[in-house]
Amino acid sequence: MQSGDVVVHIARTPEEIWSRLVDLESAHEWVPDLVSARRLTDGEVGVGARYAEVVAIGGKHTDAELEITEFEPPHTFAHAGRGGPARFTASFRLEPDGSGGTSVTHAWTLELEGMMKMMEPMVRGLVQKNAAAAADGLRELLESTKS
């Protein structure tokens, strides 16, 4: 299994970040490899809500499904899923920095299955790069809009 994390400072409060972060159906606006996400469950967004995603990997579209595993507004959001030969997790921790901004930690894990498992070390760099681009995308999106 491979893992990593990215920390980004966003000049917004956790409450301002939260609504955008947990709106997975519009996450393609800040997650570079996400093509689309569609909610599969009814009811409130929270633990147990499931989504179908289409992710672009190496120019190829791959279907994935994920489920929210942690949901503690406005500080902790996490999900776990599976797509193709991969199982993955992502978590976001939002901590106020005392100056009106927020430190966002985006942690991830990835486990490839079968013959793909030997490619994990090579894929790690790509996933870390995408995680950093997503964190920067969220920051840029939030800081470019009025609060």
N, C-alpha and C. Protein backbone atom coordinates (compact mmCIF):
# COMPACT_ATOMS: atom_id res chain seq x y z
N MET A 1 0.84 -1.18 0.00
CA MET A 1 0.00 0.00 0.00
C MET A 1 0.88 1.24 0.00
N GLN A 2 0.47 2.23 -0.75
CA GLN A 2 1.18 3.50 -0.81
C GLN A 2 0.32 4.56 -0.13
N SER A 3 0.98 5.60 0.40
CA SER A 3 0.23 6.68 1.06
C SER A 3 1.01 7.97 0.95
N GLY A 4 0.33 9.04 1.24
CA GLY A 4 0.95 10.35 1.23
C GLY A 4 0.00 11.39 1.79
N ASP A 5 0.50 12.60 1.90
CA ASP A 5 -0.37 13.70 2.32
C ASP A 5 0.15 15.01 1.78
N VAL A 6 -0.74 15.98 1.79
CA VAL A 6 -0.45 17.32 1.31
C VAL A 6 -1.11 18.29 2.30
N VAL A 7 -0.40 19.35 2.65
CA VAL A 7 -0.97 20.37 3.51
C VAL A 7 -1.00 21.67 2.71
N VAL A 8 -2.15 22.33 2.73
CA VAL A 8 -2.30 23.60 2.03
C VAL A 8 -2.99 24.59 2.96
N HIS A 9 -2.57 25.84 2.89
CA HIS A 9 -3.23 26.89 3.67
C HIS A 9 -4.22 27.60 2.77
N ILE A 10 -5.44 27.75 3.26
CA ILE A 10 -6.49 28.43 2.49
C ILE A 10 -6.98 29.61 3.32
N ALA A 11 -7.02 30.77 2.71
CA ALA A 11 -7.43 31.99 3.39
C ALA A 11 -8.96 32.06 3.49
N ARG A 12 -9.53 31.04 4.10
CA ARG A 12 -10.97 30.95 4.36
C ARG A 12 -11.16 30.16 5.65
N THR A 13 -12.30 30.33 6.29
CA THR A 13 -12.59 29.59 7.52
C THR A 13 -12.95 28.14 7.18
N PRO A 14 -12.86 27.24 8.15
CA PRO A 14 -13.29 25.86 7.90
C PRO A 14 -14.73 25.79 7.39
N GLU A 15 -15.61 26.61 7.91
CA GLU A 15 -17.00 26.62 7.48
C GLU A 15 -17.14 27.00 6.00
N GLU A 16 -16.34 27.96 5.56
CA GLU A 16 -16.38 28.37 4.15
C GLU A 16 -15.83 27.27 3.24
N ILE A 17 -14.86 26.54 3.70
CA ILE A 17 -14.26 25.47 2.90
C ILE A 17 -15.15 24.24 2.87
N TRP A 18 -15.81 23.93 3.99
CA TRP A 18 -16.55 22.69 4.17
C TRP A 18 -17.57 22.44 3.07
N SER A 19 -18.42 23.41 2.78
CA SER A 19 -19.50 23.17 1.81
C SER A 19 -18.95 22.83 0.43
N ARG A 20 -17.86 23.43 0.04
CA ARG A 20 -17.25 23.13 -1.25
C ARG A 20 -16.56 21.77 -1.23
N LEU A 21 -15.88 21.46 -0.14
CA LEU A 21 -15.14 20.22 0.00
C LEU A 21 -16.06 19.00 -0.09
N VAL A 22 -17.21 19.05 0.57
CA VAL A 22 -18.09 17.87 0.63
C VAL A 22 -19.08 17.79 -0.53
N ASP A 23 -19.07 18.76 -1.41
CA ASP A 23 -19.92 18.73 -2.60
C ASP A 23 -19.18 17.94 -3.69
N LEU A 24 -19.22 16.62 -3.57
CA LEU A 24 -18.45 15.78 -4.49
C LEU A 24 -18.92 15.88 -5.93
N GLU A 25 -20.17 16.21 -6.14
CA GLU A 25 -20.67 16.31 -7.51
C GLU A 25 -20.10 17.51 -8.26
N SER A 26 -19.53 18.47 -7.55
CA SER A 26 -18.86 19.58 -8.24
C SER A 26 -17.34 19.56 -8.01
N ALA A 27 -16.83 18.48 -7.42
CA ALA A 27 -15.40 18.39 -7.13
C ALA A 27 -14.54 18.40 -8.39
N HIS A 28 -15.13 18.08 -9.54
CA HIS A 28 -14.36 18.12 -10.80
C HIS A 28 -13.84 19.53 -11.08
N GLU A 29 -14.41 20.54 -10.41
CA GLU A 29 -13.95 21.92 -10.59
C GLU A 29 -12.58 22.15 -9.96
N TRP A 30 -12.16 21.29 -9.04
CA TRP A 30 -10.86 21.48 -8.40
C TRP A 30 -9.99 20.22 -8.33
N VAL A 31 -10.55 19.07 -8.66
CA VAL A 31 -9.77 17.82 -8.69
C VAL A 31 -9.41 17.52 -10.15
N PRO A 32 -8.13 17.64 -10.51
CA PRO A 32 -7.74 17.57 -11.92
C PRO A 32 -8.09 16.28 -12.65
N ASP A 33 -8.03 15.13 -11.98
CA ASP A 33 -8.27 13.87 -12.69
C ASP A 33 -9.71 13.37 -12.56
N LEU A 34 -10.58 14.15 -11.91
CA LEU A 34 -11.98 13.76 -11.76
C LEU A 34 -12.80 14.29 -12.93
N VAL A 35 -13.44 13.39 -13.66
CA VAL A 35 -14.28 13.78 -14.79
C VAL A 35 -15.69 14.11 -14.30
N SER A 36 -16.25 13.23 -13.44
CA SER A 36 -17.60 13.46 -12.91
C SER A 36 -17.81 12.63 -11.66
N ALA A 37 -18.80 13.04 -10.87
CA ALA A 37 -19.24 12.28 -9.69
C ALA A 37 -20.75 12.41 -9.60
N ARG A 38 -21.38 11.30 -9.26
CA ARG A 38 -22.84 11.26 -9.16
C ARG A 38 -23.21 10.52 -7.88
N ARG A 39 -24.09 11.13 -7.11
CA ARG A 39 -24.52 10.52 -5.85
C ARG A 39 -25.42 9.33 -6.13
N LEU A 40 -25.19 8.23 -5.41
CA LEU A 40 -25.96 6.99 -5.60
C LEU A 40 -27.00 6.77 -4.51
N THR A 41 -26.89 7.49 -3.40
CA THR A 41 -27.78 7.28 -2.27
C THR A 41 -28.65 8.51 -2.03
N ASP A 42 -29.80 8.29 -1.42
CA ASP A 42 -30.70 9.38 -1.05
C ASP A 42 -30.39 9.84 0.37
N GLY A 43 -31.04 10.92 0.76
CA GLY A 43 -30.88 11.42 2.12
C GLY A 43 -29.77 12.44 2.23
N GLU A 44 -29.44 12.73 3.48
CA GLU A 44 -28.41 13.73 3.77
C GLU A 44 -27.03 13.21 3.39
N VAL A 45 -26.15 14.13 3.03
CA VAL A 45 -24.75 13.76 2.79
C VAL A 45 -24.12 13.51 4.16
N GLY A 46 -23.47 12.38 4.29
CA GLY A 46 -22.83 12.02 5.55
C GLY A 46 -22.27 10.62 5.44
N VAL A 47 -21.87 10.05 6.58
CA VAL A 47 -21.31 8.71 6.59
C VAL A 47 -22.29 7.75 5.93
N GLY A 48 -21.78 6.95 5.02
CA GLY A 48 -22.59 5.97 4.30
C GLY A 48 -23.06 6.43 2.94
N ALA A 49 -23.01 7.73 2.66
CA ALA A 49 -23.40 8.22 1.32
C ALA A 49 -22.40 7.67 0.31
N ARG A 50 -22.93 7.21 -0.83
CA ARG A 50 -22.08 6.61 -1.86
C ARG A 50 -22.17 7.41 -3.15
N TYR A 51 -21.07 7.38 -3.90
CA TYR A 51 -20.94 8.11 -5.16
C TYR A 51 -20.30 7.24 -6.22
N ALA A 52 -20.71 7.44 -7.45
CA ALA A 52 -20.04 6.85 -8.61
C ALA A 52 -19.20 7.95 -9.24
N GLU A 53 -17.96 7.65 -9.57
CA GLU A 53 -17.06 8.62 -10.17
C GLU A 53 -16.52 8.09 -11.48
N VAL A 54 -16.14 9.03 -12.34
CA VAL A 54 -15.36 8.71 -13.52
C VAL A 54 -14.06 9.50 -13.37
N VAL A 55 -12.94 8.79 -13.42
CA VAL A 55 -11.62 9.39 -13.22
C VAL A 55 -10.80 9.19 -14.49
N ALA A 56 -10.06 10.22 -14.89
CA ALA A 56 -9.17 10.12 -16.05
C ALA A 56 -7.77 9.75 -15.56
N ILE A 57 -7.31 8.58 -15.98
CA ILE A 57 -5.97 8.12 -15.60
C ILE A 57 -5.23 7.77 -16.88
N GLY A 58 -4.17 8.51 -17.13
CA GLY A 58 -3.38 8.24 -18.34
C GLY A 58 -4.19 8.34 -19.62
N GLY A 59 -5.13 9.27 -19.67
CA GLY A 59 -5.96 9.45 -20.86
C GLY A 59 -7.10 8.47 -20.98
N LYS A 60 -7.22 7.55 -20.04
CA LYS A 60 -8.29 6.55 -20.06
C LYS A 60 -9.27 6.83 -18.92
N HIS A 61 -10.55 6.70 -19.19
CA HIS A 61 -11.56 6.90 -18.15
C HIS A 61 -11.79 5.60 -17.40
N THR A 62 -11.81 5.70 -16.08
CA THR A 62 -12.03 4.55 -15.20
C THR A 62 -13.19 4.86 -14.27
N ASP A 63 -14.09 3.90 -14.09
CA ASP A 63 -15.20 4.04 -13.15
C ASP A 63 -14.73 3.67 -11.76
N ALA A 64 -15.21 4.40 -10.77
CA ALA A 64 -14.91 4.13 -9.37
C ALA A 64 -16.16 4.35 -8.54
N GLU A 65 -16.20 3.74 -7.40
CA GLU A 65 -17.29 3.98 -6.46
C GLU A 65 -16.67 4.24 -5.10
N LEU A 66 -17.22 5.21 -4.37
CA LEU A 66 -16.70 5.54 -3.06
C LEU A 66 -17.83 5.73 -2.07
N GLU A 67 -17.47 5.62 -0.79
CA GLU A 67 -18.42 5.81 0.30
C GLU A 67 -17.80 6.72 1.34
N ILE A 68 -18.59 7.68 1.84
CA ILE A 68 -18.11 8.57 2.89
C ILE A 68 -17.97 7.77 4.18
N THR A 69 -16.79 7.85 4.80
CA THR A 69 -16.50 7.09 6.02
C THR A 69 -16.38 7.95 7.27
N GLU A 70 -16.10 9.23 7.10
CA GLU A 70 -16.06 10.19 8.22
C GLU A 70 -16.69 11.48 7.75
N PHE A 71 -17.48 12.10 8.63
CA PHE A 71 -18.17 13.33 8.27
C PHE A 71 -18.44 14.09 9.56
N GLU A 72 -17.52 14.98 9.92
CA GLU A 72 -17.63 15.77 11.14
C GLU A 72 -17.46 17.24 10.80
N PRO A 73 -18.57 17.91 10.38
CA PRO A 73 -18.50 19.31 9.97
C PRO A 73 -17.99 20.21 11.10
N PRO A 74 -17.20 21.19 10.80
CA PRO A 74 -16.50 21.46 9.54
C PRO A 74 -15.02 21.05 9.60
N HIS A 75 -14.74 19.91 10.22
CA HIS A 75 -13.33 19.59 10.45
C HIS A 75 -12.80 18.31 9.82
N THR A 76 -13.62 17.27 9.65
CA THR A 76 -13.11 16.00 9.15
C THR A 76 -14.05 15.42 8.10
N PHE A 77 -13.47 15.06 6.97
CA PHE A 77 -14.22 14.44 5.87
C PHE A 77 -13.32 13.37 5.27
N ALA A 78 -13.86 12.16 5.11
CA ALA A 78 -13.06 11.08 4.53
C ALA A 78 -13.95 10.13 3.74
N HIS A 79 -13.33 9.46 2.76
CA HIS A 79 -14.05 8.45 2.00
C HIS A 79 -13.09 7.34 1.60
N ALA A 80 -13.69 6.20 1.26
CA ALA A 80 -12.93 5.03 0.79
C ALA A 80 -13.64 4.50 -0.43
N GLY A 81 -12.88 3.91 -1.33
CA GLY A 81 -13.51 3.41 -2.54
C GLY A 81 -12.67 2.42 -3.29
N ARG A 82 -13.21 2.09 -4.44
CA ARG A 82 -12.57 1.12 -5.32
C ARG A 82 -12.84 1.53 -6.77
N GLY A 83 -11.81 1.42 -7.59
CA GLY A 83 -11.95 1.68 -9.02
C GLY A 83 -10.90 0.90 -9.77
N GLY A 84 -11.32 0.14 -10.78
CA GLY A 84 -10.37 -0.70 -11.51
C GLY A 84 -9.65 -1.62 -10.55
N PRO A 85 -8.33 -1.74 -10.67
CA PRO A 85 -7.58 -2.63 -9.78
C PRO A 85 -7.12 -1.93 -8.49
N ALA A 86 -7.79 -0.87 -8.08
CA ALA A 86 -7.31 -0.07 -6.95
C ALA A 86 -8.36 0.11 -5.87
N ARG A 87 -7.88 0.05 -4.62
CA ARG A 87 -8.66 0.49 -3.47
C ARG A 87 -7.99 1.76 -2.98
N PHE A 88 -8.79 2.73 -2.53
CA PHE A 88 -8.21 4.00 -2.15
C PHE A 88 -8.97 4.63 -0.99
N THR A 89 -8.30 5.52 -0.29
CA THR A 89 -8.93 6.35 0.73
C THR A 89 -8.44 7.78 0.53
N ALA A 90 -9.24 8.70 1.01
CA ALA A 90 -8.85 10.11 1.05
C ALA A 90 -9.47 10.72 2.29
N SER A 91 -8.71 11.54 2.97
CA SER A 91 -9.25 12.25 4.13
C SER A 91 -8.80 13.69 4.09
N PHE A 92 -9.64 14.54 4.67
CA PHE A 92 -9.36 15.97 4.74
C PHE A 92 -9.58 16.41 6.18
N ARG A 93 -8.58 17.08 6.75
CA ARG A 93 -8.68 17.63 8.10
C ARG A 93 -8.53 19.15 7.98
N LEU A 94 -9.48 19.88 8.53
CA LEU A 94 -9.48 21.33 8.46
C LEU A 94 -9.24 21.89 9.86
N GLU A 95 -8.18 22.69 10.01
CA GLU A 95 -7.83 23.27 11.30
C GLU A 95 -7.65 24.77 11.15
N PRO A 96 -8.42 25.56 11.92
CA PRO A 96 -8.24 27.02 11.87
C PRO A 96 -6.82 27.38 12.26
N ASP A 97 -6.28 28.41 11.61
CA ASP A 97 -4.89 28.78 11.90
C ASP A 97 -4.76 29.98 12.82
N GLY A 98 -5.88 30.52 13.29
CA GLY A 98 -5.84 31.66 14.20
C GLY A 98 -5.82 33.01 13.51
N SER A 99 -5.66 33.03 12.19
CA SER A 99 -5.62 34.30 11.46
C SER A 99 -6.81 34.43 10.50
N GLY A 100 -7.81 33.58 10.67
CA GLY A 100 -8.97 33.61 9.78
C GLY A 100 -8.85 32.64 8.63
N GLY A 101 -7.72 31.97 8.53
CA GLY A 101 -7.51 30.98 7.48
C GLY A 101 -7.55 29.58 8.06
N THR A 102 -7.29 28.60 7.20
CA THR A 102 -7.39 27.20 7.60
C THR A 102 -6.25 26.40 6.99
N SER A 103 -5.71 25.50 7.80
CA SER A 103 -4.74 24.53 7.31
C SER A 103 -5.52 23.27 6.94
N VAL A 104 -5.41 22.86 5.68
CA VAL A 104 -6.12 21.68 5.20
C VAL A 104 -5.09 20.59 4.92
N THR A 105 -5.25 19.46 5.59
CA THR A 105 -4.39 18.30 5.36
C THR A 105 -5.18 17.27 4.57
N HIS A 106 -4.68 16.94 3.40
CA HIS A 106 -5.31 15.94 2.52
C HIS A 106 -4.40 14.72 2.52
N ALA A 107 -4.86 13.63 3.15
CA ALA A 107 -4.10 12.39 3.21
C ALA A 107 -4.76 11.35 2.31
N TRP A 108 -3.97 10.45 1.76
CA TRP A 108 -4.50 9.45 0.85
C TRP A 108 -3.77 8.12 1.00
N THR A 109 -4.45 7.05 0.62
CA THR A 109 -3.81 5.73 0.49
C THR A 109 -4.27 5.12 -0.82
N LEU A 110 -3.45 4.24 -1.34
CA LEU A 110 -3.76 3.53 -2.58
C LEU A 110 -3.18 2.13 -2.49
N GLU A 111 -4.01 1.14 -2.81
CA GLU A 111 -3.54 -0.23 -2.86
C GLU A 111 -3.99 -0.84 -4.18
N LEU A 112 -3.02 -1.23 -4.99
CA LEU A 112 -3.31 -1.88 -6.26
C LEU A 112 -3.39 -3.38 -6.04
N GLU A 113 -4.16 -4.04 -6.90
CA GLU A 113 -4.36 -5.48 -6.76
C GLU A 113 -3.78 -6.23 -7.95
N GLY A 114 -3.56 -7.53 -7.74
CA GLY A 114 -3.11 -8.40 -8.82
C GLY A 114 -1.75 -7.99 -9.35
N MET A 115 -1.60 -8.13 -10.66
CA MET A 115 -0.34 -7.81 -11.33
C MET A 115 0.03 -6.33 -11.20
N MET A 116 -0.98 -5.48 -10.99
CA MET A 116 -0.73 -4.04 -10.87
C MET A 116 -0.01 -3.69 -9.57
N LYS A 117 -0.05 -4.56 -8.57
CA LYS A 117 0.55 -4.28 -7.27
C LYS A 117 2.02 -3.87 -7.39
N MET A 118 2.75 -4.50 -8.30
CA MET A 118 4.17 -4.17 -8.43
C MET A 118 4.39 -2.76 -8.98
N MET A 119 3.34 -2.12 -9.49
CA MET A 119 3.47 -0.76 -10.01
C MET A 119 3.21 0.30 -8.95
N GLU A 120 2.82 -0.11 -7.74
CA GLU A 120 2.48 0.86 -6.70
C GLU A 120 3.55 1.93 -6.48
N PRO A 121 4.84 1.56 -6.34
CA PRO A 121 5.83 2.61 -6.11
C PRO A 121 5.89 3.65 -7.24
N MET A 122 5.67 3.21 -8.47
CA MET A 122 5.69 4.14 -9.60
C MET A 122 4.45 5.03 -9.60
N VAL A 123 3.33 4.46 -9.20
CA VAL A 123 2.07 5.19 -9.20
C VAL A 123 2.02 6.20 -8.05
N ARG A 124 2.77 5.94 -6.98
CA ARG A 124 2.74 6.81 -5.81
C ARG A 124 3.03 8.26 -6.17
N GLY A 125 4.06 8.49 -6.97
CA GLY A 125 4.41 9.86 -7.36
C GLY A 125 3.29 10.55 -8.12
N LEU A 126 2.62 9.82 -8.99
CA LEU A 126 1.51 10.38 -9.74
C LEU A 126 0.35 10.74 -8.82
N VAL A 127 0.03 9.86 -7.88
CA VAL A 127 -1.07 10.13 -6.95
C VAL A 127 -0.73 11.32 -6.06
N GLN A 128 0.51 11.39 -5.57
CA GLN A 128 0.91 12.51 -4.73
C GLN A 128 0.83 13.82 -5.51
N LYS A 129 1.26 13.80 -6.76
CA LYS A 129 1.19 14.99 -7.61
C LYS A 129 -0.27 15.42 -7.81
N ASN A 130 -1.15 14.45 -8.05
CA ASN A 130 -2.57 14.77 -8.23
C ASN A 130 -3.19 15.29 -6.94
N ALA A 131 -2.80 14.73 -5.79
CA ALA A 131 -3.31 15.21 -4.51
C ALA A 131 -2.89 16.65 -4.27
N ALA A 132 -1.65 16.98 -4.58
CA ALA A 132 -1.16 18.35 -4.43
C ALA A 132 -1.91 19.29 -5.38
N ALA A 133 -2.13 18.85 -6.62
CA ALA A 133 -2.86 19.68 -7.58
C ALA A 133 -4.30 19.89 -7.13
N ALA A 134 -4.92 18.86 -6.55
CA ALA A 134 -6.29 19.01 -6.05
C ALA A 134 -6.34 19.99 -4.89
N ALA A 135 -5.41 19.89 -3.95
CA ALA A 135 -5.37 20.82 -2.82
C ALA A 135 -5.17 22.25 -3.30
N ASP A 136 -4.26 22.44 -4.25
CA ASP A 136 -4.05 23.77 -4.82
C ASP A 136 -5.28 24.26 -5.57
N GLY A 137 -5.95 23.33 -6.28
CA GLY A 137 -7.17 23.70 -7.00
C GLY A 137 -8.27 24.16 -6.07
N LEU A 138 -8.42 23.47 -4.93
CA LEU A 138 -9.42 23.88 -3.94
C LEU A 138 -9.09 25.26 -3.39
N ARG A 139 -7.81 25.47 -3.05
CA ARG A 139 -7.38 26.78 -2.54
C ARG A 139 -7.65 27.88 -3.55
N GLU A 140 -7.25 27.66 -4.79
CA GLU A 140 -7.44 28.68 -5.83
C GLU A 140 -8.92 28.97 -6.06
N LEU A 141 -9.74 27.94 -6.08
CA LEU A 141 -11.18 28.13 -6.29
C LEU A 141 -11.79 28.94 -5.16
N LEU A 142 -11.46 28.59 -3.93
CA LEU A 142 -12.05 29.28 -2.78
C LEU A 142 -11.52 30.70 -2.62
N GLU A 143 -10.23 30.89 -2.85
CA GLU A 143 -9.67 32.22 -2.66
C GLU A 143 -10.01 33.18 -3.80
N SER A 144 -10.46 32.64 -4.94
CA SER A 144 -10.81 33.50 -6.06
C SER A 144 -12.29 33.93 -6.03
N THR A 145 -13.06 33.33 -5.11
CA THR A 145 -14.48 33.69 -5.00
C THR A 145 -14.69 34.50 -3.73
N LYS A 146 -15.73 35.31 -3.74
CA LYS A 146 -16.05 36.12 -2.57
C LYS A 146 -16.60 35.21 -1.49
N SER A 147 -16.25 35.52 -0.26
CA SER A 147 -16.75 34.71 0.87
C SER A 147 -18.13 35.10 1.27
